[in-house]
C-alpha atoms as a PDB file:
ATOM      1  CA  ALA A   1      88.650  98.186  -5.056  1.00  0.00           C
ATOM      2  CA  ASP A   2      92.171  99.359  -5.731  1.00  0.00           C
ATOM      3  CA  GLU A   3      91.464 100.898  -8.555  1.00  0.00           C
ATOM      4  CA  ILE A   4      88.640 102.999  -7.558  1.00  0.00           C
ATOM      5  CA  ILE A   5      89.027 103.472  -3.474  1.00  0.00           C
ATOM      6  CA  GLY A   6      90.560 107.079  -3.925  1.00  0.00           C
ATOM      7  CA  GLN A   7      89.135 108.586  -6.575  1.00  0.00           C
ATOM      8  CA  HIS A   8      86.431 110.816  -6.650  1.00  0.00           C
ATOM      9  CA  PHE A   9      83.218 109.187  -7.887  1.00  0.00           C
ATOM     10  CA  SER A  10      82.638 111.646 -10.791  1.00  0.00           C
ATOM     11  CA  VAL A  11      84.845 109.222 -12.877  1.00  0.00           C
ATOM     12  CA  PHE A  12      81.676 107.101 -13.317  1.00  0.00           C
ATOM     13  CA  TYR A  13      79.533 110.230 -14.954  1.00  0.00           C
ATOM     14  CA  THR A  14      79.689 111.199 -18.569  1.00  0.00           C
ATOM     15  CA  GLU A  15      82.150 113.962 -19.796  1.00  0.00           C
ATOM     16  CA  VAL A  16      79.323 115.984 -20.628  1.00  0.00           C
ATOM     17  CA  ASP A  17      78.187 115.917 -16.981  1.00  0.00           C
ATOM     18  CA  ARG A  18      81.164 116.224 -15.712  1.00  0.00           C
ATOM     19  CA  LYS A  19      81.683 119.413 -17.430  1.00  0.00           C
ATOM     20  CA  ALA A  20      77.877 120.430 -16.408  1.00  0.00           C
ATOM     21  CA  GLY A  21      78.726 120.156 -12.587  1.00  0.00           C
ATOM     22  CA  ALA A  22      76.476 117.469 -12.036  1.00  0.00           C
ATOM     23  CA  PRO A  23      78.577 115.565  -9.706  1.00  0.00           C
ATOM     24  CA  ALA A  24      78.930 118.350  -7.215  1.00  0.00           C
ATOM     25  CA  ASN A  25      75.301 119.351  -7.721  1.00  0.00           C
ATOM     26  CA  ALA A  26      74.371 115.386  -6.908  1.00  0.00           C
ATOM     27  CA  LEU A  27      76.245 115.933  -3.771  1.00  0.00           C
ATOM     28  CA  HIS A  28      75.029 119.675  -2.914  1.00  0.00           C
ATOM     29  CA  THR A  29      71.435 117.925  -2.930  1.00  0.00           C
ATOM     30  CA  ALA A  30      72.156 115.084  -0.975  1.00  0.00           C
ATOM     31  CA  GLU A  31      73.455 117.116   1.828  1.00  0.00           C
ATOM     32  CA  ARG A  32      70.788 119.570   1.336  1.00  0.00           C
ATOM     33  CA  GLU A  33      67.786 117.334   1.363  1.00  0.00           C
ATOM     34  CA  GLY A  34      69.403 114.210   2.880  1.00  0.00           C
ATOM     35  CA  ARG A  35      69.139 112.317  -0.507  1.00  0.00           C
ATOM     36  CA  PHE A  36      69.772 112.165  -3.943  1.00  0.00           C
ATOM     37  CA  GLU A  37      68.326 109.784  -6.452  1.00  0.00           C
ATOM     38  CA  ALA A  38      68.627 109.706 -10.293  1.00  0.00           C
ATOM     39  CA  GLU A  39      68.958 108.109 -13.535  1.00  0.00           C
ATOM     40  CA  ALA A  40      71.294 109.005 -16.069  1.00  0.00           C
ATOM     41  CA  TRP A  41      74.036 107.484 -18.646  1.00  0.00           C
ATOM     42  CA  ARG A  42      77.330 106.576 -16.571  1.00  0.00           C
ATOM     43  CA  CYS A  43      80.648 105.229 -17.579  1.00  0.00           C
ATOM     44  CA  ARG A  44      82.274 101.377 -17.088  1.00  0.00           C
ATOM     45  CA  LYS A  45      86.074 101.067 -16.570  1.00  0.00           C
ATOM     46  CA  SER A  46      85.987 100.319 -20.032  1.00  0.00           C
ATOM     47  CA  GLY A  47      84.475 103.330 -21.073  1.00  0.00           C
ATOM     48  CA  GLU A  48      80.756 101.295 -22.111  1.00  0.00           C
ATOM     49  CA  MET A  49      77.826 103.967 -21.161  1.00  0.00           C
ATOM     50  CA  PHE A  50      75.109 101.858 -19.150  1.00  0.00           C
ATOM     51  CA  TRP A  51      71.856 103.360 -17.931  1.00  0.00           C
ATOM     52  CA  ALA A  52      72.036 103.731 -14.193  1.00  0.00           C
ATOM     53  CA  ASN A  53      70.191 104.564 -11.320  1.00  0.00           C
ATOM     54  CA  VAL A  54      72.122 106.298  -8.721  1.00  0.00           C
ATOM     55  CA  ILE A  55      71.808 107.020  -4.789  1.00  0.00           C
ATOM     56  CA  ILE A  56      73.417 109.097  -2.821  1.00  0.00           C
ATOM     57  CA  ASP A  57      73.059 109.683   0.861  1.00  0.00           C
ATOM     58  CA  PRO A  58      75.280 111.901   3.442  1.00  0.00           C
ATOM     59  CA  ILE A  59      76.807 110.124   6.322  1.00  0.00           C
ATOM     60  CA  HIS A  60      77.257 112.026   9.184  1.00  0.00           C
ATOM     61  CA  ASP A  61      79.529 111.562  12.371  1.00  0.00           C
ATOM     62  CA  GLU A  62      77.684 111.416  15.886  1.00  0.00           C
ATOM     63  CA  HIS A  63      78.169 115.329  16.307  1.00  0.00           C
ATOM     64  CA  GLY A  64      76.149 115.221  12.989  1.00  0.00           C
ATOM     65  CA  LYS A  65      78.944 116.762  11.209  1.00  0.00           C
ATOM     66  CA  LEU A  66      78.813 115.309   7.812  1.00  0.00           C
ATOM     67  CA  SER A  67      81.691 113.369   7.401  1.00  0.00           C
ATOM     68  CA  GLY A  68      81.284 111.408   3.633  1.00  0.00           C
ATOM     69  CA  PHE A  69      78.690 110.158   1.072  1.00  0.00           C
ATOM     70  CA  ALA A  70      77.403 106.678   0.817  1.00  0.00           C
ATOM     71  CA  LYS A  71      76.520 105.740  -3.334  1.00  0.00           C
ATOM     72  CA  ILE A  72      75.005 103.194  -4.799  1.00  0.00           C
ATOM     73  CA  THR A  73      74.633 102.884  -8.243  1.00  0.00           C
ATOM     74  CA  ARG A  74      72.736 100.366 -10.090  1.00  0.00           C
ATOM     75  CA  ASP A  75      72.811  99.328 -13.473  1.00  0.00           C
ATOM     76  CA  ILE A  76      69.068  99.568 -15.228  1.00  0.00           C
ATOM     77  CA  SER A  77      69.830  99.521 -19.250  1.00  0.00           C
ATOM     78  CA  GLU A  78      67.945  96.044 -19.318  1.00  0.00           C
ATOM     79  CA  ARG A  79      64.488  97.906 -17.678  1.00  0.00           C
ATOM     80  CA  ARG A  80      64.898 100.879 -19.342  1.00  0.00           C
ATOM     81  CA  ARG A  81      65.163  99.511 -22.983  1.00  0.00           C
ATOM     82  CA  LYS A  82      62.106  96.930 -21.920  1.00  0.00           C
ATOM     83  CA  GLU A  83      60.325 100.766 -20.919  1.00  0.00           C
ATOM     84  CA  ILE A  84      61.322 102.194 -24.257  1.00  0.00           C
ATOM     85  CA  GLU A  85      59.975  99.004 -26.002  1.00  0.00           C
ATOM     86  CA  LEU A  86      56.434  99.340 -23.780  1.00  0.00           C
ATOM     87  CA  ALA A  87      56.425 102.940 -24.663  1.00  0.00           C
ATOM     88  CA  HIS A  88      56.599 102.177 -28.543  1.00  0.00           C
ATOM     89  CA  ALA A  89      54.243  99.258 -28.358  1.00  0.00           C
ATOM     90  CA  GLN A  90      51.707 101.579 -26.964  1.00  0.00           C
ATOM     91  CA  GLN A  91      52.083 103.932 -29.274  1.00  0.00           C
ATOM     92  CA  GLN A  92      51.640 101.801 -32.329  1.00  0.00           C
ATOM     93  CA  ALA A  93      48.600 100.190 -29.936  1.00  0.00           C
ATOM     94  CA  ALA A  94      47.236 103.988 -29.849  1.00  0.00           C
ATOM     95  CA  GLN A  95      48.096 104.701 -33.506  1.00  0.00           C
ATOM     96  CA  ALA A  96      46.268 101.308 -34.727  1.00  0.00           C
ATOM     97  CA  GLN A  97      42.893 102.003 -32.809  1.00  0.00           C
ATOM     98  CA  LYS A  98      43.142 105.423 -34.399  1.00  0.00           C
ATOM     99  CA  MET A  99      43.381 104.116 -37.925  1.00  0.00           C
ATOM    100  CA  GLU A 100      40.556 101.540 -36.832  1.00  0.00           C
ATOM    101  CA  ALA A 101      38.174 104.851 -36.075  1.00  0.00           C
ATOM    102  CA  LEU A 102      39.277 106.422 -38.724  1.00  0.00           C
ATOM    103  CA  GLY A 103      38.517 103.069 -41.028  1.00  0.00           C
ATOM    104  CA  HIS A 104      34.939 102.909 -39.517  1.00  0.00           C
ATOM    105  CA  LEU A 105      34.336 106.614 -39.702  1.00  0.00           C
ATOM    106  CA  THR A 106      35.322 106.754 -43.451  1.00  0.00           C
ATOM    107  CA  GLY A 107      33.718 103.440 -43.902  1.00  0.00           C
ATOM    108  CA  GLY A 108      30.518 104.956 -42.666  1.00  0.00           C
ATOM    109  CA  VAL A 109      30.502 108.541 -44.885  1.00  0.00           C
ATOM    110  CA  ALA A 110      31.289 106.254 -47.851  1.00  0.00           C
ATOM    111  CA  HIS A 111      28.422 103.961 -47.819  1.00  0.00           C
ATOM    112  CA  ASP A 112      26.456 107.572 -47.066  1.00  0.00           C
ATOM    113  CA  PHE A 113      27.978 109.009 -49.952  1.00  0.00           C
ATOM    114  CA  ASN A 114      27.443 105.632 -51.996  1.00  0.00           C
ATOM    115  CA  ASN A 115      23.854 106.040 -51.406  1.00  0.00           C
ATOM    116  CA  LEU A 116      23.402 109.693 -52.396  1.00  0.00           C
ATOM    117  CA  LEU A 117      25.375 109.003 -55.620  1.00  0.00           C
ATOM    118  CA  ALA A 118      22.953 106.206 -56.290  1.00  0.00           C
ATOM    119  CA  ILE A 119      19.735 108.393 -56.303  1.00  0.00           C
ATOM    120  CA  MET A 120      21.581 110.915 -58.382  1.00  0.00           C
ATOM    121  CA  ALA A 121      22.572 108.120 -61.038  1.00  0.00           C
ATOM    122  CA  GLY A 122      19.097 106.831 -61.155  1.00  0.00           C
ATOM    123  CA  ARG A 123      17.639 110.051 -61.618  1.00  0.00           C
ATOM    124  CA  ALA A 124      20.099 111.273 -64.396  1.00  0.00           C
ATOM    125  CA  GLN A 125      19.306 107.888 -66.127  1.00  0.00           C
ATOM    126  CA  LEU A 126      15.408 108.881 -65.859  1.00  0.00           C
ATOM    127  CA  LEU A 127      16.255 112.502 -67.016  1.00  0.00           C
ATOM    128  CA  LYS A 128      17.943 111.291 -70.068  1.00  0.00           C
ATOM    129  CA  ARG A 129      15.404 108.995 -70.920  1.00  0.00           C
ATOM    130  CA  ARG A 130      12.660 111.192 -70.213  1.00  0.00           C
ATOM    131  CA  ASN A 131      14.371 113.568 -72.397  1.00  0.00           C
ATOM    132  CA  SER A 132      16.255 111.736 -75.266  1.00  0.00           C
ATOM    133  CA  ASP A 133      14.859 114.198 -77.766  1.00  0.00           C
ATOM    134  CA  ASN A 134      16.813 116.917 -76.178  1.00  0.00           C
ATOM    135  CA  PRO A 135      20.695 116.891 -76.667  1.00  0.00           C
ATOM    136  CA  LYS A 136      21.256 119.696 -74.068  1.00  0.00           C
ATOM    137  CA  VAL A 137      19.678 117.650 -71.567  1.00  0.00           C
ATOM    138  CA  VAL A 138      20.779 114.257 -72.808  1.00  0.00           C
ATOM    139  CA  THR A 139      24.337 115.503 -72.458  1.00  0.00           C
ATOM    140  CA  ALA A 140      23.951 117.070 -69.302  1.00  0.00           C
ATOM    141  CA  ALA A 141      22.422 114.028 -67.850  1.00  0.00           C
ATOM    142  CA  GLU A 142      25.209 112.242 -69.482  1.00  0.00           C
ATOM    143  CA  HIS A 143      27.880 114.295 -67.452  1.00  0.00           C
ATOM    144  CA  ILE A 144      26.043 113.760 -63.804  1.00  0.00           C
ATOM    145  CA  ILE A 145      26.278 109.716 -64.782  1.00  0.00           C
ATOM    146  CA  THR A 146      29.922 110.525 -65.588  1.00  0.00           C
ATOM    147  CA  ALA A 147      30.527 112.356 -62.192  1.00  0.00           C
ATOM    148  CA  THR A 148      28.549 109.733 -59.942  1.00  0.00           C
ATOM    149  CA  GLN A 149      30.696 106.836 -61.466  1.00  0.00           C
ATOM    150  CA  ARG A 150      33.926 108.931 -60.406  1.00  0.00           C
ATOM    151  CA  GLY A 151      32.117 109.406 -57.347  1.00  0.00           C
ATOM    152  CA  SER A 152      31.538 105.983 -56.857  1.00  0.00           C
ATOM    153  CA  ALA A 153      35.006 104.818 -58.048  1.00  0.00           C
ATOM    154  CA  LEU A 154      36.131 107.280 -54.833  1.00  0.00           C
ATOM    155  CA  THR A 155      34.031 105.328 -52.725  1.00  0.00           C
ATOM    156  CA  ARG A 156      35.251 102.568 -53.477  1.00  0.00           C
ATOM    157  CA  GLN A 157      38.633 103.680 -52.433  1.00  0.00           C
ATOM    158  CA  LEU A 158      37.574 105.139 -49.006  1.00  0.00           C
ATOM    159  CA  LEU A 159      36.139 101.723 -48.494  1.00  0.00           C
ATOM    160  CA  THR A 160      39.351  99.929 -49.422  1.00  0.00           C
ATOM    161  CA  PHE A 161      40.631 102.261 -46.850  1.00  0.00           C
ATOM    162  CA  ALA A 162      38.417 101.325 -44.250  1.00  0.00           C
ATOM    163  CA  ARG A 163      38.802  97.866 -44.985  1.00  0.00           C
ATOM    164  CA  ARG A 164      35.490  96.916 -45.948  1.00  0.00           C
ATOM    165  CA  GLN A 165      35.980  96.022 -49.390  1.00  0.00           C
ATOM    166  CA  PRO A 166      39.328  94.337 -51.137  1.00  0.00           C
ATOM    167  CA  ALA A 167      41.220  97.185 -53.589  1.00  0.00           C
ATOM    168  CA  ASN A 168      40.386  96.681 -57.361  1.00  0.00           C
ATOM    169  CA  PRO A 169      43.245  98.373 -58.836  1.00  0.00           C
ATOM    170  CA  GLU A 170      42.572  99.372 -62.363  1.00  0.00           C
ATOM    171  CA  HIS A 171      44.070 101.234 -65.301  1.00  0.00           C
ATOM    172  CA  VAL A 172      42.829 104.469 -66.557  1.00  0.00           C
ATOM    173  CA  GLN A 173      43.733 106.800 -69.565  1.00  0.00           C
ATOM    174  CA  ILE A 174      44.652 109.955 -68.158  1.00  0.00           C
ATOM    175  CA  PRO A 175      43.967 112.025 -71.151  1.00  0.00           C
ATOM    176  CA  GLN A 176      40.500 110.985 -71.501  1.00  0.00           C
ATOM    177  CA  MET A 177      39.681 111.467 -68.004  1.00  0.00           C
ATOM    178  CA  VAL A 178      40.828 115.272 -68.619  1.00  0.00           C
ATOM    179  CA  GLU A 179      38.490 115.237 -71.665  1.00  0.00           C
ATOM    180  CA  ASP A 180      35.637 113.799 -69.831  1.00  0.00           C
ATOM    181  CA  PHE A 181      36.377 116.480 -67.020  1.00  0.00           C
ATOM    182  CA  ARG A 182      36.946 119.337 -69.453  1.00  0.00           C
ATOM    183  CA  ALA A 183      33.250 118.049 -71.267  1.00  0.00           C
ATOM    184  CA  MET A 184      31.928 118.469 -67.817  1.00  0.00           C
ATOM    185  CA  LEU A 185      32.743 122.137 -67.352  1.00  0.00           C
ATOM    186  CA  VAL A 186      32.158 123.174 -70.491  1.00  0.00           C
ATOM    187  CA  SER A 187      28.418 122.176 -70.010  1.00  0.00           C
END
């Protein structure tokens, strides 16, 4: 008590808040509105910062004249830490729900796409067999089959993303893939 009595209550405010006039604004608000309440950083005697809930009430004498203020400061650092942790956990849960929904959507699209690819691949195989004497048709059918195989690989990646199928990484020959792609474009 002997260290603080007689000191201005602004000693508990941060330097930034003092320069911005926060202590005076708090008193004016308490006087004008009958009470001031806020949460903000405050300083301990040691200089350590803590998150505080501050209430300032005006005190009036028997004639209604302002005679001073009553101030209560509560350290709510732990509550604030828990609120921040809860908000972070809620944000992570919301993100997980979004990813789960995206996974379901991706899985559905991948299955539908895979069905279309199967039809295309089957028709290309049939076209190739029925026209085995026509090299241009055979080449075109082979390109279609190659494209459907690439589409199937993409579908597997989508299903992996959707967590509906385990990942099966494989080594690829980039030059061969480029050459195959170039052959499709030329045909």
